[in-house]
PDB file of N, CA and C in Angstrom:
ATOM      1  N   MET A   1       0.841  -1.159   0.023  1.00  0.00           N
ATOM      2  CA  MET A   1      -0.035  -0.037   0.034  1.00  0.00           C
ATOM      3  C   MET A   1       0.890   1.193   0.016  1.00  0.00           C
ATOM      4  N   ALA A   2       0.477   2.234  -0.690  1.00  0.00           N
ATOM      5  CA  ALA A   2       1.220   3.493  -0.774  1.00  0.00           C
ATOM      6  C   ALA A   2       1.076   4.374   0.428  1.00  0.00           C
ATOM      7  N   GLY A   3       2.025   5.056   0.853  1.00  0.00           N
ATOM      8  CA  GLY A   3       1.888   6.065   1.939  1.00  0.00           C
ATOM      9  C   GLY A   3       1.604   5.463   3.208  1.00  0.00           C
ATOM     10  N   ASP A   4       0.710   6.107   3.919  1.00  0.00           N
ATOM     11  CA  ASP A   4       0.514   5.576   5.285  1.00  0.00           C
ATOM     12  C   ASP A   4      -0.827   4.744   5.429  1.00  0.00           C
ATOM     13  N   GLN A   5      -1.340   4.380   4.206  1.00  0.00           N
ATOM     14  CA  GLN A   5      -2.567   3.553   4.109  1.00  0.00           C
ATOM     15  C   GLN A   5      -2.201   2.121   4.650  1.00  0.00           C
ATOM     16  N   THR A   6      -3.162   1.536   5.485  1.00  0.00           N
ATOM     17  CA  THR A   6      -2.918   0.239   5.932  1.00  0.00           C
ATOM     18  C   THR A   6      -3.933  -0.710   5.169  1.00  0.00           C
ATOM     19  N   PRO A   7      -3.656  -1.863   4.928  1.00  0.00           N
ATOM     20  CA  PRO A   7      -4.653  -2.804   4.249  1.00  0.00           C
ATOM     21  C   PRO A   7      -5.860  -3.061   5.265  1.00  0.00           C
ATOM     22  N   PRO A   8      -6.971  -3.273   4.739  1.00  0.00           N
ATOM     23  CA  PRO A   8      -8.076  -3.545   5.590  1.00  0.00           C
ATOM     24  C   PRO A   8      -7.797  -4.835   6.416  1.00  0.00           C
ATOM     25  N   SER A   9      -8.368  -4.951   7.590  1.00  0.00           N
ATOM     26  CA  SER A   9      -8.031  -6.125   8.485  1.00  0.00           C
ATOM     27  C   SER A   9      -8.833  -7.232   7.849  1.00  0.00           C
ATOM     28  N   HIS A  10      -8.569  -8.405   8.243  1.00  0.00           N
ATOM     29  CA  HIS A  10      -9.144  -9.655   7.720  1.00  0.00           C
ATOM     30  C   HIS A  10     -10.650  -9.601   7.958  1.00  0.00           C
ATOM     31  N   GLN A  11     -11.000  -9.135   9.263  1.00  0.00           N
ATOM     32  CA  GLN A  11     -12.415  -9.042   9.629  1.00  0.00           C
ATOM     33  C   GLN A  11     -13.171  -8.062   8.735  1.00  0.00           C
ATOM     34  N   ASP A  12     -12.621  -6.962   8.359  1.00  0.00           N
ATOM     35  CA  ASP A  12     -13.217  -5.867   7.451  1.00  0.00           C
ATOM     36  C   ASP A  12     -13.503  -6.501   6.151  1.00  0.00           C
ATOM     37  N   MET A  13     -12.620  -7.323   5.649  1.00  0.00           N
ATOM     38  CA  MET A  13     -12.808  -7.766   4.266  1.00  0.00           C
ATOM     39  C   MET A  13     -13.953  -8.713   4.163  1.00  0.00           C
ATOM     40  N   HIS A  14     -14.486  -9.259   5.279  1.00  0.00           N
ATOM     41  CA  HIS A  14     -15.612 -10.274   5.275  1.00  0.00           C
ATOM     42  C   HIS A  14     -16.929  -9.649   5.832  1.00  0.00           C
ATOM     43  N   ILE A  15     -17.006  -8.370   6.297  1.00  0.00           N
ATOM     44  CA  ILE A  15     -18.227  -7.883   6.950  1.00  0.00           C
ATOM     45  C   ILE A  15     -19.385  -7.922   5.926  1.00  0.00           C
ATOM     46  N   GLY A  16     -19.313  -7.534   4.650  1.00  0.00           N
ATOM     47  CA  GLY A  16     -20.262  -7.579   3.754  1.00  0.00           C
ATOM     48  C   GLY A  16     -20.862  -8.989   3.539  1.00  0.00           C
ATOM     49  N   GLU A  17     -19.902  -9.891   3.430  1.00  0.00           N
ATOM     50  CA  GLU A  17     -20.321 -11.346   3.185  1.00  0.00           C
ATOM     51  C   GLU A  17     -21.040 -11.842   4.493  1.00  0.00           C
ATOM     52  N   ILE A  18     -20.626 -11.454   5.688  1.00  0.00           N
ATOM     53  CA  ILE A  18     -21.155 -11.858   6.939  1.00  0.00           C
ATOM     54  C   ILE A  18     -22.605 -11.304   7.003  1.00  0.00           C
ATOM     55  N   ARG A  19     -22.726  -9.972   6.675  1.00  0.00           N
ATOM     56  CA  ARG A  19     -23.961  -9.291   6.680  1.00  0.00           C
ATOM     57  C   ARG A  19     -25.091 -10.028   5.681  1.00  0.00           C
ATOM     58  N   GLU A  20     -24.573 -10.383   4.485  1.00  0.00           N
ATOM     59  CA  GLU A  20     -25.389 -11.026   3.482  1.00  0.00           C
ATOM     60  C   GLU A  20     -25.869 -12.370   3.962  1.00  0.00           C
ATOM     61  N   LEU A  21     -24.930 -13.228   4.488  1.00  0.00           N
ATOM     62  CA  LEU A  21     -25.219 -14.454   4.971  1.00  0.00           C
ATOM     63  C   LEU A  21     -26.234 -14.441   6.104  1.00  0.00           C
ATOM     64  N   ALA A  22     -26.038 -13.485   7.103  1.00  0.00           N
ATOM     65  CA  ALA A  22     -26.860 -13.380   8.202  1.00  0.00           C
ATOM     66  C   ALA A  22     -28.298 -12.997   7.645  1.00  0.00           C
ATOM     67  N   ARG A  23     -28.452 -12.210   6.682  1.00  0.00           N
ATOM     68  CA  ARG A  23     -29.687 -11.830   6.123  1.00  0.00           C
ATOM     69  C   ARG A  23     -30.485 -13.100   5.469  1.00  0.00           C
ATOM     70  N   ARG A  24     -29.619 -13.867   4.802  1.00  0.00           N
ATOM     71  CA  ARG A  24     -30.129 -14.897   3.859  1.00  0.00           C
ATOM     72  C   ARG A  24     -30.452 -16.210   4.596  1.00  0.00           C
ATOM     73  N   TYR A  25     -29.715 -16.546   5.653  1.00  0.00           N
ATOM     74  CA  TYR A  25     -29.896 -17.866   6.199  1.00  0.00           C
ATOM     75  C   TYR A  25     -30.217 -17.845   7.806  1.00  0.00           C
ATOM     76  N   SER A  26     -30.994 -18.826   8.235  1.00  0.00           N
ATOM     77  CA  SER A  26     -31.297 -18.895   9.689  1.00  0.00           C
ATOM     78  C   SER A  26     -30.029 -19.440  10.360  1.00  0.00           C
ATOM     79  N   PRO A  27     -30.057 -19.305  11.742  1.00  0.00           N
ATOM     80  CA  PRO A  27     -28.967 -19.924  12.510  1.00  0.00           C
ATOM     81  C   PRO A  27     -28.802 -21.354  12.280  1.00  0.00           C
ATOM     82  N   ASP A  28     -29.950 -22.085  12.098  1.00  0.00           N
ATOM     83  CA  ASP A  28     -29.874 -23.536  11.908  1.00  0.00           C
ATOM     84  C   ASP A  28     -29.275 -23.889  10.506  1.00  0.00           C
ATOM     85  N   GLU A  29     -29.596 -23.128   9.537  1.00  0.00           N
ATOM     86  CA  GLU A  29     -29.111 -23.291   8.192  1.00  0.00           C
ATOM     87  C   GLU A  29     -27.619 -23.045   8.140  1.00  0.00           C
ATOM     88  N   LEU A  30     -27.202 -21.993   8.854  1.00  0.00           N
ATOM     89  CA  LEU A  30     -25.752 -21.713   8.922  1.00  0.00           C
ATOM     90  C   LEU A  30     -24.986 -22.686   9.627  1.00  0.00           C
ATOM     91  N   GLU A  31     -25.530 -23.278  10.704  1.00  0.00           N
ATOM     92  CA  GLU A  31     -24.889 -24.417  11.445  1.00  0.00           C
ATOM     93  C   GLU A  31     -24.844 -25.610  10.503  1.00  0.00           C
ATOM     94  N   ASP A  32     -25.815 -25.961   9.771  1.00  0.00           N
ATOM     95  CA  ASP A  32     -25.774 -26.952   8.730  1.00  0.00           C
ATOM     96  C   ASP A  32     -24.775 -26.774   7.832  1.00  0.00           C
ATOM     97  N   CYS A  33     -24.561 -25.558   7.330  1.00  0.00           N
ATOM     98  CA  CYS A  33     -23.518 -25.276   6.346  1.00  0.00           C
ATOM     99  C   CYS A  33     -22.197 -25.489   6.917  1.00  0.00           C
ATOM    100  N   ILE A  34     -21.995 -25.165   8.230  1.00  0.00           N
ATOM    101  CA  ILE A  34     -20.676 -25.333   8.794  1.00  0.00           C
ATOM    102  C   ILE A  34     -20.389 -26.818   8.914  1.00  0.00           C
ATOM    103  N   ASN A  35     -21.462 -27.626   9.342  1.00  0.00           N
ATOM    104  CA  ASN A  35     -21.210 -29.022   9.463  1.00  0.00           C
ATOM    105  C   ASN A  35     -20.943 -29.782   8.194  1.00  0.00           C
ATOM    106  N   ARG A  36     -21.640 -29.255   7.072  1.00  0.00           N
ATOM    107  CA  ARG A  36     -21.383 -29.735   5.827  1.00  0.00           C
ATOM    108  C   ARG A  36     -19.974 -29.459   5.250  1.00  0.00           C
ATOM    109  N   GLN A  37     -19.600 -28.262   5.605  1.00  0.00           N
ATOM    110  CA  GLN A  37     -18.138 -27.796   5.135  1.00  0.00           C
ATOM    111  C   GLN A  37     -17.118 -28.701   5.806  1.00  0.00           C
ATOM    112  N   LEU A  38     -17.289 -29.019   7.155  1.00  0.00           N
ATOM    113  CA  LEU A  38     -16.417 -29.769   7.833  1.00  0.00           C
ATOM    114  C   LEU A  38     -16.421 -31.210   7.373  1.00  0.00           C
ATOM    115  N   ALA A  39     -17.643 -31.749   7.081  1.00  0.00           N
ATOM    116  CA  ALA A  39     -17.778 -33.183   6.702  1.00  0.00           C
ATOM    117  C   ALA A  39     -17.455 -33.365   5.183  1.00  0.00           C
ATOM    118  N   GLU A  40     -17.858 -32.526   4.285  1.00  0.00           N
ATOM    119  CA  GLU A  40     -17.840 -32.765   2.860  1.00  0.00           C
ATOM    120  C   GLU A  40     -16.854 -31.790   2.097  1.00  0.00           C
ATOM    121  N   GLY A  41     -16.414 -30.791   2.803  1.00  0.00           N
ATOM    122  CA  GLY A  41     -15.554 -29.820   2.203  1.00  0.00           C
ATOM    123  C   GLY A  41     -16.187 -28.810   1.252  1.00  0.00           C
ATOM    124  N   SER A  42     -17.594 -28.756   1.405  1.00  0.00           N
ATOM    125  CA  SER A  42     -18.315 -27.747   0.625  1.00  0.00           C
ATOM    126  C   SER A  42     -19.618 -27.531   1.335  1.00  0.00           C
ATOM    127  N   ASN A  43     -20.373 -26.550   0.955  1.00  0.00           N
ATOM    128  CA  ASN A  43     -21.587 -26.232   1.515  1.00  0.00           C
ATOM    129  C   ASN A  43     -22.449 -25.292   0.669  1.00  0.00           C
ATOM    130  N   PRO A  44     -23.748 -25.244   0.719  1.00  0.00           N
ATOM    131  CA  PRO A  44     -24.525 -24.370  -0.203  1.00  0.00           C
ATOM    132  C   PRO A  44     -24.524 -22.849   0.243  1.00  0.00           C
ATOM    133  N   CYS A  45     -24.034 -22.555   1.483  1.00  0.00           N
ATOM    134  CA  CYS A  45     -24.141 -21.115   1.877  1.00  0.00           C
ATOM    135  C   CYS A  45     -22.957 -20.220   1.369  1.00  0.00           C
ATOM    136  N   ASP A  46     -21.779 -20.750   1.401  1.00  0.00           N
ATOM    137  CA  ASP A  46     -20.591 -19.976   1.024  1.00  0.00           C
ATOM    138  C   ASP A  46     -19.458 -20.903   0.618  1.00  0.00           C
ATOM    139  N   GLU A  47     -18.948 -20.538  -0.644  1.00  0.00           N
ATOM    140  CA  GLU A  47     -17.876 -21.347  -1.211  1.00  0.00           C
ATOM    141  C   GLU A  47     -16.592 -20.512  -1.504  1.00  0.00           C
ATOM    142  N   ASN A  48     -16.531 -19.415  -0.821  1.00  0.00           N
ATOM    143  CA  ASN A  48     -15.409 -18.483  -1.115  1.00  0.00           C
ATOM    144  C   ASN A  48     -14.334 -18.626  -0.126  1.00  0.00           C
ATOM    145  N   GLY A  49     -13.132 -19.203  -0.560  1.00  0.00           N
ATOM    146  CA  GLY A  49     -11.980 -19.288   0.440  1.00  0.00           C
ATOM    147  C   GLY A  49     -11.778 -20.674   0.810  1.00  0.00           C
ATOM    148  N   SER A  50     -10.788 -20.699   1.687  1.00  0.00           N
ATOM    149  CA  SER A  50     -10.318 -22.035   2.343  1.00  0.00           C
ATOM    150  C   SER A  50     -11.397 -22.519   3.376  1.00  0.00           C
ATOM    151  N   THR A  51     -11.373 -23.808   3.722  1.00  0.00           N
ATOM    152  CA  THR A  51     -12.371 -24.378   4.696  1.00  0.00           C
ATOM    153  C   THR A  51     -12.321 -23.511   5.918  1.00  0.00           C
ATOM    154  N   GLU A  52     -11.105 -23.073   6.382  1.00  0.00           N
ATOM    155  CA  GLU A  52     -10.942 -22.341   7.603  1.00  0.00           C
ATOM    156  C   GLU A  52     -11.647 -21.026   7.554  1.00  0.00           C
ATOM    157  N   GLU A  53     -11.389 -20.324   6.324  1.00  0.00           N
ATOM    158  CA  GLU A  53     -12.130 -19.008   6.159  1.00  0.00           C
ATOM    159  C   GLU A  53     -13.499 -19.097   6.079  1.00  0.00           C
ATOM    160  N   ILE A  54     -14.018 -20.041   5.414  1.00  0.00           N
ATOM    161  CA  ILE A  54     -15.558 -20.313   5.238  1.00  0.00           C
ATOM    162  C   ILE A  54     -16.177 -20.637   6.457  1.00  0.00           C
ATOM    163  N   ILE A  55     -15.616 -21.386   7.351  1.00  0.00           N
ATOM    164  CA  ILE A  55     -16.103 -21.740   8.630  1.00  0.00           C
ATOM    165  C   ILE A  55     -16.232 -20.485   9.506  1.00  0.00           C
ATOM    166  N   ASN A  56     -15.065 -19.732   9.557  1.00  0.00           N
ATOM    167  CA  ASN A  56     -14.924 -18.464  10.240  1.00  0.00           C
ATOM    168  C   ASN A  56     -16.090 -17.541   9.890  1.00  0.00           C
ATOM    169  N   VAL A  57     -16.353 -17.294   8.569  1.00  0.00           N
ATOM    170  CA  VAL A  57     -17.333 -16.440   8.070  1.00  0.00           C
ATOM    171  C   VAL A  57     -18.756 -16.955   8.402  1.00  0.00           C
ATOM    172  N   LEU A  58     -18.934 -18.234   8.220  1.00  0.00           N
ATOM    173  CA  LEU A  58     -20.223 -18.864   8.533  1.00  0.00           C
ATOM    174  C   LEU A  58     -20.589 -18.658  10.037  1.00  0.00           C
ATOM    175  N   ALA A  59     -19.583 -18.889  10.895  1.00  0.00           N
ATOM    176  CA  ALA A  59     -19.717 -18.913  12.443  1.00  0.00           C
ATOM    177  C   ALA A  59     -20.099 -17.493  12.855  1.00  0.00           C
ATOM    178  N   LYS A  60     -19.439 -16.539  12.192  1.00  0.00           N
ATOM    179  CA  LYS A  60     -19.717 -15.039  12.502  1.00  0.00           C
ATOM    180  C   LYS A  60     -21.145 -14.656  12.018  1.00  0.00           C
ATOM    181  N   ALA A  61     -21.564 -15.218  10.935  1.00  0.00           N
ATOM    182  CA  ALA A  61     -22.903 -14.881  10.386  1.00  0.00           C
ATOM    183  C   ALA A  61     -23.907 -15.474  11.261  1.00  0.00           C
ATOM    184  N   GLU A  62     -23.613 -16.730  11.747  1.00  0.00           N
ATOM    185  CA  GLU A  62     -24.519 -17.433  12.679  1.00  0.00           C
ATOM    186  C   GLU A  62     -24.669 -16.577  13.937  1.00  0.00           C
ATOM    187  N   PHE A  63     -23.727 -16.073  14.449  1.00  0.00           N
ATOM    188  CA  PHE A  63     -23.650 -15.307  15.671  1.00  0.00           C
ATOM    189  C   PHE A  63     -24.591 -14.006  15.387  1.00  0.00           C
ATOM    190  N   VAL A  64     -24.354 -13.360  14.268  1.00  0.00           N
ATOM    191  CA  VAL A  64     -25.033 -12.113  13.996  1.00  0.00           C
ATOM    192  C   VAL A  64     -26.564 -12.512  13.796  1.00  0.00           C
ATOM    193  N   ARG A  65     -26.852 -13.458  13.030  1.00  0.00           N
ATOM    194  CA  ARG A  65     -28.217 -13.878  12.798  1.00  0.00           C
ATOM    195  C   ARG A  65     -28.930 -14.147  14.131  1.00  0.00           C
ATOM    196  N   THR A  66     -28.283 -14.917  15.018  1.00  0.00           N
ATOM    197  CA  THR A  66     -28.788 -15.158  16.385  1.00  0.00           C
ATOM    198  C   THR A  66     -29.223 -14.049  17.046  1.00  0.00           C
ATOM    199  N   ARG A  67     -28.364 -13.026  17.049  1.00  0.00           N
ATOM    200  CA  ARG A  67     -28.582 -11.728  17.736  1.00  0.00           C
ATOM    201  C   ARG A  67     -29.684 -10.957  17.176  1.00  0.00           C
ATOM    202  N   THR A  68     -29.828 -10.921  15.755  1.00  0.00           N
ATOM    203  CA  THR A  68     -30.916 -10.233  15.022  1.00  0.00           C
ATOM    204  C   THR A  68     -32.188 -10.967  15.414  1.00  0.00           C
ATOM    205  N   ASN A  69     -32.215 -12.334  15.484  1.00  0.00           N
ATOM    206  CA  ASN A  69     -33.369 -12.985  15.863  1.00  0.00           C
ATOM    207  C   ASN A  69     -33.846 -12.672  17.295  1.00  0.00           C
ATOM    208  N   ASP A  70     -32.883 -12.364  18.111  1.00  0.00           N
ATOM    209  CA  ASP A  70     -33.240 -11.944  19.541  1.00  0.00           C
ATOM    210  C   ASP A  70     -33.585 -10.531  19.737  1.00  0.00           C
ATOM    211  N   GLY A  71     -33.716  -9.767  18.561  1.00  0.00           N
ATOM    212  CA  GLY A  71     -34.118  -8.400  18.635  1.00  0.00           C
ATOM    213  C   GLY A  71     -33.175  -7.321  18.260  1.00  0.00           C
ATOM    214  N   MET A  72     -31.817  -7.587  18.249  1.00  0.00           N
ATOM    215  CA  MET A  72     -30.830  -6.592  17.810  1.00  0.00           C
ATOM    216  C   MET A  72     -31.013  -6.199  16.355  1.00  0.00           C
ATOM    217  N   SER A  73     -30.592  -4.996  16.102  1.00  0.00           N
ATOM    218  CA  SER A  73     -30.574  -4.640  14.672  1.00  0.00           C
ATOM    219  C   SER A  73     -29.368  -5.291  14.118  1.00  0.00           C
ATOM    220  N   LEU A  74     -29.243  -5.360  12.810  1.00  0.00           N
ATOM    221  CA  LEU A  74     -28.184  -5.970  12.012  1.00  0.00           C
ATOM    222  C   LEU A  74     -26.933  -5.192  12.487  1.00  0.00           C
ATOM    223  N   GLY A  75     -26.906  -3.940  12.385  1.00  0.00           N
ATOM    224  CA  GLY A  75     -25.677  -3.067  12.813  1.00  0.00           C
ATOM    225  C   GLY A  75     -25.241  -3.329  14.153  1.00  0.00           C
ATOM    226  N   GLU A  76     -26.167  -3.382  15.054  1.00  0.00           N
ATOM    227  CA  GLU A  76     -25.818  -3.587  16.470  1.00  0.00           C
ATOM    228  C   GLU A  76     -25.194  -4.962  16.596  1.00  0.00           C
ATOM    229  N   ALA A  77     -25.729  -6.027  15.903  1.00  0.00           N
ATOM    230  CA  ALA A  77     -25.211  -7.396  15.969  1.00  0.00           C
ATOM    231  C   ALA A  77     -23.788  -7.494  15.458  1.00  0.00           C
ATOM    232  N   ILE A  78     -23.568  -6.775  14.368  1.00  0.00           N
ATOM    233  CA  ILE A  78     -22.209  -6.683  13.780  1.00  0.00           C
ATOM    234  C   ILE A  78     -21.201  -5.966  14.760  1.00  0.00           C
ATOM    235  N   ARG A  79     -21.680  -4.843  15.439  1.00  0.00           N
ATOM    236  CA  ARG A  79     -20.798  -4.204  16.342  1.00  0.00           C
ATOM    237  C   ARG A  79     -20.440  -5.107  17.532  1.00  0.00           C
ATOM    238  N   GLU A  80     -21.467  -5.754  18.014  1.00  0.00           N
ATOM    239  CA  GLU A  80     -21.301  -6.753  19.126  1.00  0.00           C
ATOM    240  C   GLU A  80     -20.269  -7.821  18.682  1.00  0.00           C
ATOM    241  N   LEU A  81     -20.326  -8.431  17.574  1.00  0.00           N
ATOM    242  CA  LEU A  81     -19.389  -9.342  17.095  1.00  0.00           C
ATOM    243  C   LEU A  81     -17.969  -8.711  17.147  1.00  0.00           C
ATOM    244  N   GLY A  82     -17.815  -7.471  16.555  1.00  0.00           N
ATOM    245  CA  GLY A  82     -16.561  -6.816  16.593  1.00  0.00           C
ATOM    246  C   GLY A  82     -15.996  -6.674  17.983  1.00  0.00           C
ATOM    247  N   ARG A  83     -16.909  -6.249  18.875  1.00  0.00           N
ATOM    248  CA  ARG A  83     -16.426  -6.085  20.290  1.00  0.00           C
ATOM    249  C   ARG A  83     -15.906  -7.333  20.836  1.00  0.00           C
ATOM    250  N   ARG A  84     -16.661  -8.436  20.657  1.00  0.00           N
ATOM    251  CA  ARG A  84     -16.275  -9.704  21.148  1.00  0.00           C
ATOM    252  C   ARG A  84     -14.975 -10.263  20.576  1.00  0.00           C
ATOM    253  N   ILE A  85     -14.695  -9.974  19.280  1.00  0.00           N
ATOM    254  CA  ILE A  85     -13.449 -10.464  18.579  1.00  0.00           C
ATOM    255  C   ILE A  85     -12.325  -9.741  19.255  1.00  0.00           C
ATOM    256  N   ARG A  86     -12.565  -8.246  19.360  1.00  0.00           N
ATOM    257  CA  ARG A  86     -11.495  -7.542  19.946  1.00  0.00           C
ATOM    258  C   ARG A  86     -11.159  -7.945  21.367  1.00  0.00           C
ATOM    259  N   ALA A  87     -12.160  -8.233  22.133  1.00  0.00           N
ATOM    260  CA  ALA A  87     -11.956  -8.631  23.520  1.00  0.00           C
ATOM    261  C   ALA A  87     -11.231  -9.958  23.525  1.00  0.00           C
ATOM    262  N   ALA A  88     -11.536 -10.889  22.715  1.00  0.00           N
ATOM    263  CA  ALA A  88     -10.845 -12.188  22.662  1.00  0.00           C
ATOM    264  C   ALA A  88      -9.405 -11.951  22.275  1.00  0.00           C
ATOM    265  N   GLN A  89      -9.066 -11.078  21.260  1.00  0.00           N
ATOM    266  CA  GLN A  89      -7.824 -10.760  20.767  1.00  0.00           C
ATOM    267  C   GLN A  89      -6.892 -10.085  21.960  1.00  0.00           C
ATOM    268  N   GLN A  90      -7.517  -9.293  22.639  1.00  0.00           N
ATOM    269  CA  GLN A  90      -6.794  -8.497  23.710  1.00  0.00           C
ATOM    270  C   GLN A  90      -6.463  -9.426  24.880  1.00  0.00           C
ATOM    271  N   SER A  91      -7.437 -10.368  25.175  1.00  0.00           N
ATOM    272  CA  SER A  91      -7.101 -11.253  26.322  1.00  0.00           C
ATOM    273  C   SER A  91      -6.260 -12.466  26.009  1.00  0.00           C
ATOM    274  N   GLY A  92      -5.895 -12.560  24.618  1.00  0.00           N
ATOM    275  CA  GLY A  92      -4.999 -13.583  24.199  1.00  0.00           C
ATOM    276  C   GLY A  92      -5.601 -14.894  24.103  1.00  0.00           C
ATOM    277  N   ASP A  93      -7.007 -14.862  24.046  1.00  0.00           N
ATOM    278  CA  ASP A  93      -7.717 -16.179  23.849  1.00  0.00           C
ATOM    279  C   ASP A  93      -7.584 -16.891  22.479  1.00  0.00           C
ATOM    280  N   ILE A  94      -7.212 -16.022  21.585  1.00  0.00           N
ATOM    281  CA  ILE A  94      -7.075 -16.619  20.113  1.00  0.00           C
ATOM    282  C   ILE A  94      -5.778 -16.393  19.654  1.00  0.00           C
TER     283      ILE A  94
END
C-alpha cells in the first residue's frame, strides 16, 4: 500500500459477506452449512475461500443472525461481534 494507508483487516474484508449470509440464512441453516463444510468440504451457503475462512465467516454470520433474531438490529449485532472479537484478541484467547 502506498503512503500511510494500511490494508483492511481480515475481519473488515468479510463484513459484507457476513451481513449478507446473516440476512439470507437462519442460524440452523448456517450451522448445517458449517457441518457440511467440515464433513464434505463444501456447503450451499458460502464457497469463497479455504475451509478455515469459510467456517470463520459462517460462524460469524450465525452469531449475527442469532442476535438479530433476539431483537438486535443488524448493525448492533455486527458491532457486538466486533467487540467480542477484539476482547478475545486482547485477552489472548485466540
